[in-house]
C-alpha atoms as a PDB file:
ATOM      1  CA  MET A   1     -86.749   2.005  24.782  1.00  0.00           C
ATOM      2  CA  ILE A   2     -87.661  -0.965  22.560  1.00  0.00           C
ATOM      3  CA  ASP A   3     -89.067  -0.220  19.104  1.00  0.00           C
ATOM      4  CA  HIS A   4     -91.823  -2.853  19.039  1.00  0.00           C
ATOM      5  CA  ASN A   5     -93.088  -1.737  15.646  1.00  0.00           C
ATOM      6  CA  ARG A   6     -89.716  -2.358  13.991  1.00  0.00           C
ATOM      7  CA  LEU A   7     -89.273  -5.706  15.752  1.00  0.00           C
ATOM      8  CA  PHE A   8     -92.740  -6.893  14.717  1.00  0.00           C
ATOM      9  CA  LYS A   9     -92.079  -5.911  11.092  1.00  0.00           C
ATOM     10  CA  GLU A  10     -88.762  -7.757  11.137  1.00  0.00           C
ATOM     11  CA  LEU A  11     -90.369 -10.887  12.562  1.00  0.00           C
ATOM     12  CA  LEU A  12     -93.233 -10.756  10.104  1.00  0.00           C
ATOM     13  CA  THR A  13     -90.984 -10.319   7.075  1.00  0.00           C
ATOM     14  CA  THR A  14     -88.642 -13.083   8.247  1.00  0.00           C
ATOM     15  CA  PHE A  15     -91.358 -15.603   9.079  1.00  0.00           C
ATOM     16  CA  PHE A  16     -94.159 -14.470   6.773  1.00  0.00           C
ATOM     17  CA  VAL A  17     -94.812 -17.843   5.147  1.00  0.00           C
ATOM     18  CA  GLU A  18     -94.772 -19.600   8.511  1.00  0.00           C
ATOM     19  CA  PHE A  19     -97.145 -16.968   9.912  1.00  0.00           C
ATOM     20  CA  ILE A  20     -99.605 -17.483   7.052  1.00  0.00           C
ATOM     21  CA  ASP A  21     -99.261 -21.255   7.356  1.00  0.00           C
ATOM     22  CA  LEU A  22    -100.062 -21.085  11.067  1.00  0.00           C
ATOM     23  CA  PHE A  23    -103.068 -18.759  10.914  1.00  0.00           C
ATOM     24  CA  LEU A  24    -104.338 -19.260   7.340  1.00  0.00           C
ATOM     25  CA  PRO A  25    -103.293 -22.758   6.246  1.00  0.00           C
ATOM     26  CA  ASP A  26    -105.690 -22.771   3.278  1.00  0.00           C
ATOM     27  CA  VAL A  27    -104.129 -19.589   1.884  1.00  0.00           C
ATOM     28  CA  VAL A  28    -100.510 -20.737   2.027  1.00  0.00           C
ATOM     29  CA  THR A  29    -101.030 -23.057  -0.954  1.00  0.00           C
ATOM     30  CA  TYR A  30    -101.745 -19.983  -3.122  1.00  0.00           C
ATOM     31  CA  LEU A  31     -98.543 -18.149  -2.164  1.00  0.00           C
ATOM     32  CA  GLU A  32     -95.601 -17.935  -4.484  1.00  0.00           C
ATOM     33  CA  CYS A  33     -92.941 -17.737  -1.805  1.00  0.00           C
ATOM     34  CA  ASN A  34     -90.167 -16.662  -4.183  1.00  0.00           C
ATOM     35  CA  SER A  35     -92.091 -13.658  -5.459  1.00  0.00           C
ATOM     36  CA  ILE A  36     -93.069 -12.031  -2.148  1.00  0.00           C
ATOM     37  CA  GLU A  37     -91.822  -8.451  -1.922  1.00  0.00           C
ATOM     38  CA  PHE A  38     -92.221  -6.271   1.151  1.00  0.00           C
ATOM     39  CA  LEU A  39     -92.604  -2.538   0.630  1.00  0.00           C
ATOM     40  CA  ASP A  40     -91.114  -0.066   3.077  1.00  0.00           C
ATOM     41  CA  LYS A  41     -93.954   2.447   2.928  1.00  0.00           C
ATOM     42  CA  GLU A  42     -97.195   3.055   1.127  1.00  0.00           C
ATOM     43  CA  VAL A  43     -97.993   6.467  -0.296  1.00  0.00           C
ATOM     44  CA  PHE A  44    -101.553   7.765  -0.496  1.00  0.00           C
ATOM     45  CA  THR A  45    -102.355  10.952  -2.326  1.00  0.00           C
ATOM     46  CA  ASP A  46    -105.452  13.047  -1.731  1.00  0.00           C
ATOM     47  CA  VAL A  47    -106.205  13.998  -5.317  1.00  0.00           C
ATOM     48  CA  THR A  48    -108.611  16.807  -4.468  1.00  0.00           C
ATOM     49  CA  ALA A  49    -106.354  18.568  -1.946  1.00  0.00           C
ATOM     50  CA  GLY A  50    -103.026  17.550  -3.449  1.00  0.00           C
ATOM     51  CA  GLU A  51    -101.724  16.297  -0.121  1.00  0.00           C
ATOM     52  CA  ARG A  52     -99.521  13.252   0.199  1.00  0.00           C
ATOM     53  CA  TYR A  53     -99.665  10.789   3.090  1.00  0.00           C
ATOM     54  CA  GLU A  54     -97.300   7.960   3.971  1.00  0.00           C
ATOM     55  CA  ALA A  55     -98.541   4.911   5.836  1.00  0.00           C
ATOM     56  CA  ASP A  56     -96.295   2.419   7.495  1.00  0.00           C
END
């Protein structure tokens, strides 16, 4: 079975600047292409319950 989520992430990280240029051409002028860093996961913590959630 094909992992579409992983493939989409790979495409987006590889062609991120081109993607922004295609769909948001006004925004691409504000990008610092050399300083873009992609994070693997984001962690959210529910402070009141003490639970930790990971979002992809």
